[in-house]
Protein backbone atom coordinates (compact mmCIF):
# COMPACT_ATOMS: atom_id res chain seq x y z
CA MET A 1 -56.41 24.94 35.08
CA LYS A 2 -60.03 25.94 35.59
CA PHE A 3 -61.83 25.35 38.87
CA SER A 4 -65.55 25.31 39.59
CA ILE A 5 -67.97 24.51 42.40
CA SER A 6 -70.94 22.15 42.64
CA LEU A 7 -73.91 23.83 44.30
CA PRO A 8 -76.19 21.76 46.58
CA THR A 9 -79.14 21.60 44.17
CA GLY A 10 -79.90 17.93 44.85
CA PHE A 11 -77.49 16.83 47.57
CA GLU A 12 -79.52 17.08 50.77
CA GLY A 13 -79.43 13.67 52.41
CA VAL A 14 -77.00 12.48 49.73
CA MET A 15 -73.98 14.27 51.18
CA TYR A 16 -75.47 17.03 53.35
CA PRO A 17 -77.75 17.14 56.40
CA VAL A 18 -81.48 17.72 55.95
CA PRO A 19 -82.25 20.58 55.73
CA PHE A 20 -79.08 22.21 54.36
CA VAL A 21 -79.66 24.88 51.72
CA GLN A 22 -82.19 27.73 51.54
CA PRO A 23 -83.46 29.07 48.20
CA GLY A 24 -81.64 32.39 48.62
CA ASP A 25 -78.31 30.65 49.12
CA PHE A 26 -77.86 29.70 45.45
CA ALA A 27 -77.50 33.20 43.96
CA ARG A 28 -75.42 34.34 46.93
CA LEU A 29 -73.02 31.39 46.51
CA ALA A 30 -72.79 32.10 42.78
CA ARG A 31 -71.81 35.72 43.47
CA LEU A 32 -69.20 34.54 45.99
CA CYS A 33 -67.68 32.14 43.46
CA GLU A 34 -67.55 34.87 40.80
CA LYS A 35 -65.85 37.23 43.27
CA LEU A 36 -63.25 34.59 44.19
CA GLY A 37 -62.35 33.82 40.58
CA TYR A 38 -63.97 30.45 39.97
CA HIS A 39 -64.77 29.61 36.37
CA SER A 40 -68.32 28.38 37.00
CA VAL A 41 -70.92 26.88 39.33
CA TRP A 42 -72.75 23.64 38.62
CA GLY A 43 -75.75 21.71 39.86
CA ASN A 44 -76.74 18.06 39.90
CA ASP A 45 -80.04 16.60 38.74
CA HIS A 46 -82.27 14.43 40.95
CA ILE A 47 -86.05 14.37 40.90
CA GLN A 48 -86.72 12.18 43.91
CA THR A 49 -85.14 10.59 46.96
CA GLN A 50 -82.88 7.56 46.57
CA HIS A 51 -83.69 4.40 48.55
CA TYR A 52 -80.63 4.62 50.80
CA VAL A 53 -81.34 8.30 51.59
CA ARG A 54 -84.89 7.42 52.63
CA GLU A 55 -83.44 4.91 55.07
CA LEU A 56 -81.01 7.48 56.49
CA PHE A 57 -83.65 10.25 56.77
CA PRO A 58 -87.02 8.49 57.18
CA ASP A 59 -88.79 11.48 58.72
CA THR A 60 -87.20 14.45 56.89
CA PRO A 61 -87.44 14.28 53.09
CA PRO A 62 -84.67 16.29 51.39
CA ASN A 63 -85.25 19.23 49.08
CA PHE A 64 -84.11 18.62 45.50
CA TYR A 65 -84.22 21.87 43.51
CA GLU A 66 -84.81 21.80 39.75
CA LEU A 67 -81.46 22.23 38.08
CA MET A 68 -82.10 24.56 35.14
CA THR A 69 -84.22 26.92 37.26
CA VAL A 70 -81.46 27.26 39.86
CA LEU A 71 -78.84 27.90 37.17
CA SER A 72 -80.98 30.63 35.62
CA PHE A 73 -81.10 32.45 38.98
CA CYS A 74 -77.31 32.06 39.35
CA ALA A 75 -76.67 33.40 35.85
CA ALA A 76 -78.97 36.37 36.48
CA ALA A 77 -77.12 37.16 39.72
CA THR A 78 -73.67 37.26 38.05
CA THR A 79 -72.00 38.77 34.99
CA ARG A 80 -69.00 36.58 34.09
CA LEU A 81 -69.48 33.29 35.92
CA GLU A 82 -70.49 30.34 33.77
CA VAL A 83 -73.18 27.91 34.91
CA GLY A 84 -73.27 24.20 34.18
CA THR A 85 -75.13 20.94 34.62
CA ALA A 86 -73.29 18.13 36.37
CA LEU A 87 -75.13 16.33 35.02
CA ALA A 88 -78.53 16.89 33.41
CA VAL A 89 -80.09 13.42 33.20
CA LEU A 90 -81.18 13.25 29.57
CA PRO A 91 -83.23 10.02 29.75
CA MET A 92 -85.45 11.70 32.36
CA ARG A 93 -85.98 14.89 30.35
CA ASP A 94 -87.69 15.50 27.03
CA PRO A 95 -84.88 16.35 24.55
CA PHE A 96 -86.87 19.08 22.79
CA TRP A 97 -87.81 20.91 25.97
CA LEU A 98 -84.32 20.51 27.42
CA ALA A 99 -82.86 21.94 24.20
CA LYS A 100 -85.37 24.82 24.31
CA THR A 101 -84.61 25.58 27.96
CA ALA A 102 -80.85 25.35 27.41
CA ALA A 103 -80.92 27.64 24.37
CA THR A 104 -83.01 30.17 26.28
CA LEU A 105 -80.73 30.12 29.32
CA ASP A 106 -77.68 30.40 27.05
CA GLN A 107 -79.18 33.45 25.32
CA LEU A 108 -80.25 35.16 28.54
CA SER A 109 -76.81 34.60 30.12
CA ASN A 110 -74.93 35.82 27.03
CA GLY A 111 -73.50 32.37 26.26
CA ARG A 112 -72.56 31.29 29.79
CA LEU A 113 -74.23 27.86 29.93
CA VAL A 114 -72.40 24.52 29.77
CA LEU A 115 -74.87 21.69 29.20
CA ALA A 116 -73.33 18.41 30.35
CA LEU A 117 -75.52 15.35 29.85
CA GLY A 118 -75.52 11.90 31.41
CA ILE A 119 -77.72 8.84 31.85
CA GLY A 120 -78.13 9.27 35.63
CA ALA A 121 -76.37 7.59 38.51
CA TYR A 122 -79.45 5.89 39.98
CA ARG A 123 -81.63 3.76 37.72
CA GLU A 124 -84.11 3.55 40.62
CA GLU A 125 -85.05 7.20 39.96
CA PHE A 126 -85.72 6.42 36.32
CA VAL A 127 -87.88 3.43 37.28
CA ALA A 128 -89.89 5.55 39.75
CA TRP A 129 -90.33 8.38 37.26
CA ALA A 130 -91.39 6.25 34.27
CA PRO A 131 -92.15 2.65 35.34
CA ARG A 132 -93.85 1.77 32.06
CA LEU A 133 -90.98 3.11 29.99
CA ALA A 134 -88.30 1.66 32.27
CA ALA A 135 -89.53 -1.88 31.64
CA LYS A 136 -88.32 -1.75 28.04
CA ALA A 137 -85.96 1.21 27.78
CA ARG A 138 -82.17 1.25 27.73
CA ARG A 139 -80.96 4.59 29.03
CA GLY A 140 -77.78 4.51 26.94
CA GLU A 141 -79.87 4.23 23.77
CA MET A 142 -82.08 7.08 24.95
CA MET A 143 -78.96 9.14 25.61
CA ASP A 144 -77.53 8.59 22.12
CA GLU A 145 -80.81 9.29 20.35
CA GLY A 146 -81.56 12.30 22.55
CA VAL A 147 -78.12 13.86 22.01
CA ALA A 148 -78.42 13.42 18.25
CA LEU A 149 -81.85 15.07 18.27
CA MET A 150 -80.69 17.96 20.44
CA ARG A 151 -77.69 18.64 18.21
CA ARG A 152 -80.02 18.89 15.23
CA LEU A 153 -82.35 21.21 17.13
CA PHE A 154 -79.41 23.45 18.03
CA GLY A 155 -78.15 23.64 14.45
CA GLU A 156 -80.87 23.08 11.86
CA ARG A 157 -83.70 25.31 10.61
CA ARG A 158 -86.34 22.57 10.70
CA VAL A 159 -86.16 19.12 12.27
CA THR A 160 -88.18 15.98 11.70
CA HIS A 161 -87.17 12.91 13.66
CA GLU A 162 -88.77 9.48 14.03
CA GLY A 163 -86.75 7.31 16.39
CA LYS A 164 -87.12 4.47 18.87
CA TYR A 165 -87.77 6.80 21.83
CA TYR A 166 -88.44 10.28 20.43
CA ALA A 167 -90.28 11.85 17.53
CA VAL A 168 -90.81 15.42 16.32
CA ARG A 169 -92.30 16.66 13.07
CA ASP A 170 -91.26 19.79 11.20
CA ILE A 171 -90.04 21.54 14.36
CA GLU A 172 -88.53 25.01 14.24
CA MET A 173 -86.69 25.78 17.46
CA PHE A 174 -85.55 29.36 17.95
CA PRO A 175 -83.63 31.03 19.37
CA LYS A 176 -80.57 28.88 18.86
CA PRO A 177 -77.81 29.04 21.51
CA ARG A 178 -75.64 32.14 21.41
CA ARG A 179 -72.37 30.28 22.11
CA ARG A 180 -70.73 28.78 19.02
CA PRO A 181 -69.98 25.98 19.20
CA PHE A 182 -72.53 25.38 21.90
CA ALA A 183 -70.97 23.84 25.03
CA LEU A 184 -72.52 20.37 24.90
CA TRP A 185 -70.56 18.05 27.19
CA ILE A 186 -70.83 14.35 27.80
CA GLY A 187 -70.76 12.97 31.33
CA GLY A 188 -69.88 9.53 32.62
CA HIS A 189 -66.70 7.53 32.96
CA ASN A 190 -67.45 4.22 31.20
CA MET A 191 -66.26 3.46 27.71
CA GLU A 192 -69.64 4.31 26.15
CA ALA A 193 -69.31 7.80 27.62
CA VAL A 194 -65.72 8.13 26.38
CA GLU A 195 -66.92 7.21 22.87
CA ARG A 196 -69.80 9.70 23.03
CA ALA A 197 -67.49 12.48 24.17
CA ALA A 198 -64.98 11.71 21.43
CA ARG A 199 -67.75 11.68 18.84
CA VAL A 200 -69.88 14.70 19.72
CA GLY A 201 -68.82 16.38 22.98
CA THR A 202 -67.10 19.72 23.40
CA GLY A 203 -66.19 18.49 26.88
CA TRP A 204 -65.96 15.30 28.95
CA LEU A 205 -67.15 15.34 32.57
CA PRO A 206 -66.53 12.00 34.29
CA GLY A 207 -66.69 11.34 37.99
CA TRP A 208 -63.40 10.86 39.82
CA ARG A 209 -61.42 7.75 38.94
CA PRO A 210 -58.08 6.32 40.08
CA TRP A 211 -55.57 8.48 38.28
CA LEU A 212 -53.98 5.71 36.19
CA GLU A 213 -57.40 4.80 34.81
CA LEU A 214 -58.28 8.47 34.27
CA ALA A 215 -55.02 9.05 32.38
CA GLU A 216 -55.66 6.01 30.17
CA ARG A 217 -59.18 7.15 29.31
CA ILE A 218 -58.03 10.68 28.52
CA LYS A 219 -55.54 9.21 26.04
CA LEU A 220 -58.20 6.93 24.56
CA LEU A 221 -60.65 9.80 24.19
CA LYS A 222 -58.13 12.03 22.43
CA ALA A 223 -56.98 9.23 20.12
CA ARG A 224 -60.56 8.33 19.24
CA ALA A 225 -61.45 11.98 18.57
CA ALA A 226 -58.50 12.23 16.18
CA GLU A 227 -59.64 9.03 14.42
CA LEU A 228 -63.04 10.64 13.91
CA GLY A 229 -61.45 13.71 12.35
CA ARG A 230 -61.97 15.99 15.34
CA ASP A 231 -59.39 18.21 17.02
CA PRO A 232 -58.78 16.56 20.43
CA SER A 233 -57.77 19.92 21.92
CA GLY A 234 -61.33 21.10 21.32
CA ILE A 235 -62.69 18.67 23.95
CA GLU A 236 -62.33 20.02 27.49
CA ILE A 237 -61.25 17.36 29.99
CA ALA A 238 -63.18 18.21 33.15
CA PRO A 239 -63.48 15.45 35.78
CA GLN A 240 -65.51 16.05 38.91
CA PHE A 241 -63.62 15.69 42.19
CA SER A 242 -64.45 16.06 45.84
CA LEU A 243 -62.76 18.80 47.85
CA THR A 244 -61.86 18.82 51.54
CA ILE A 245 -59.12 21.21 52.59
CA ALA A 246 -57.64 21.50 56.10
CA ARG A 247 -54.41 22.56 57.78
CA THR A 248 -53.00 19.03 57.57
CA ALA A 249 -53.67 16.05 55.31
CA GLU A 250 -54.65 13.97 58.33
CA GLU A 251 -57.27 16.49 59.42
CA ALA A 252 -58.68 16.73 55.90
CA GLU A 253 -58.90 12.95 55.54
CA LYS A 254 -60.64 12.65 58.92
CA ARG A 255 -63.22 15.29 57.96
CA TYR A 256 -63.85 13.68 54.59
CA MET A 257 -64.33 10.17 56.00
CA ALA A 258 -66.74 11.49 58.65
CA SER A 259 -68.91 13.18 56.02
CA GLY A 260 -72.11 12.02 54.37
CA LEU A 261 -70.24 11.79 51.09
CA VAL A 262 -68.82 8.41 52.13
CA ALA A 263 -72.29 6.82 52.20
CA HIS A 264 -72.94 8.35 48.77
CA ARG A 265 -69.74 6.78 47.43
CA LYS A 266 -70.79 3.39 48.81
CA SER A 267 -74.18 3.71 47.15
CA LEU A 268 -72.38 4.14 43.83
CA ALA A 269 -69.91 1.28 44.36
CA TYR A 270 -71.65 -0.63 41.57
CA THR A 271 -69.98 1.73 39.07
CA GLY A 272 -66.68 -0.04 39.71
CA ARG A 273 -64.73 2.72 41.40
CA ASP A 274 -62.15 1.51 43.92
CA LEU A 275 -63.29 3.24 47.09
CA SER A 276 -59.89 2.62 48.71
CA GLN A 277 -58.64 5.30 46.27
CA GLN A 278 -61.18 7.98 47.15
CA LEU A 279 -58.84 9.96 49.42
CA VAL A 280 -55.80 9.94 47.16
CA ALA A 281 -57.75 10.43 43.92
CA ASN A 282 -59.74 13.44 45.13
CA LEU A 283 -58.65 16.91 46.28
CA VAL A 284 -58.45 15.97 49.94
CA GLY A 285 -55.55 17.32 51.97
CA SER A 286 -53.62 20.35 53.08
CA PRO A 287 -53.18 23.31 50.70
CA ASP A 288 -49.67 22.12 49.77
CA LEU A 289 -50.85 18.56 49.09
CA ILE A 290 -53.79 19.73 47.02
CA ARG A 291 -51.52 21.97 44.95
CA GLU A 292 -49.36 18.89 44.25
CA LYS A 293 -52.46 16.95 43.22
CA VAL A 294 -53.59 19.74 40.90
CA GLU A 295 -50.20 19.70 39.18
CA GLY A 296 -50.42 15.92 38.83
CA LEU A 297 -53.84 16.21 37.22
CA ARG A 298 -52.56 18.85 34.85
CA GLU A 299 -49.76 16.51 33.77
CA ILE A 300 -52.18 13.72 32.79
CA GLY A 301 -54.27 16.09 30.69
CA VAL A 302 -56.97 17.49 32.97
CA ASP A 303 -58.06 20.99 31.89
CA HIS A 304 -60.67 21.69 34.54
CA ALA A 305 -61.26 20.43 38.09
CA CYS A 306 -64.99 20.64 37.54
CA ALA A 307 -68.01 20.98 39.83
CA LEU A 308 -66.00 20.34 42.99
CA MET A 309 -68.16 18.56 45.56
CA ILE A 310 -67.60 19.89 49.07
CA PRO A 311 -68.82 17.78 52.00
CA ALA A 312 -69.95 20.02 54.86
CA ASP A 313 -72.33 20.11 57.81
CA SER A 314 -73.54 23.66 57.17
CA ILE A 315 -73.61 26.33 54.48
CA ALA A 316 -71.11 28.33 56.55
CA GLU A 317 -68.64 25.41 56.43
CA PHE A 318 -69.30 25.02 52.70
CA GLU A 319 -68.50 28.70 52.10
CA ASP A 320 -65.37 28.47 54.25
CA GLN A 321 -64.07 25.62 52.07
CA VAL A 322 -64.87 27.59 48.89
CA GLU A 323 -62.91 30.61 50.15
CA TRP A 324 -60.01 28.61 51.58
CA PHE A 325 -59.45 26.71 48.34
CA ALA A 326 -59.62 29.92 46.27
CA ASN A 327 -57.17 31.76 48.50
CA THR A 328 -54.60 28.98 48.99
CA VAL A 329 -54.76 26.80 45.87
CA MET A 330 -56.25 28.72 42.97
């Protein structure tokens, strides 16, 4: 199984203290992950502070670093490590410019970019960013139209598109991505996301779910891909989990529940995840317990424990978790 780490691009206040990360930390953490044998590093995509974070940190606004810029620095600082988006929020980005940026980063990194796309966890950010558009837009529709346009831009010589949300006329976009097929993943755990991944994704990156539900959706995705004439084995199953490792399961659970990640989970309760399952369904525990969990995930069809989210109070604690997991589990 592959393992990868989520960098704190947009997690200050969300699951980390404010301040937490310094600009120079990103490339250094990427080099550490490459040295330890991780497959990749990932970043999340926020443009502004969520309402609940403002309430928690009224006097210290968090730093949210632009995702693609951070990943370009990480790719330049490494030679083998892949870099990925977990997730790039497509409805809040222009599809042409995101495609252009992604193709450029893919070329400059010698094919080491994984572009995973989603609609965004917080509609409030979308409303703040584009209040006029938000009044009439459905982000799922924007996602489908944007993905279709980006796939054409990645593959066709010239593209003309006239849609509900986007339009281009006689566009030539070069260079194309180096990686073939380009690593275009679909994020999200609902059934719309499962359908999108089965239809067009080279990977599926949902958030953590109770394992029975995750197993069912993996089966549904693979069956649907086969129905559509695709090879299900060509779609990487890469859920995102949280990681807290300690000497004992009890210590790990205590650290996890005392972290800022718990408030983040509560803020996302509307997505339907059973928060009573967050300890058992994530990689929280002793090294032996986490190894058992990894084997269980492998058995239900997980290929990649992706963009592991590590709650911590400092960068030093974050790094310690990264090293401990690599040395005792990987």
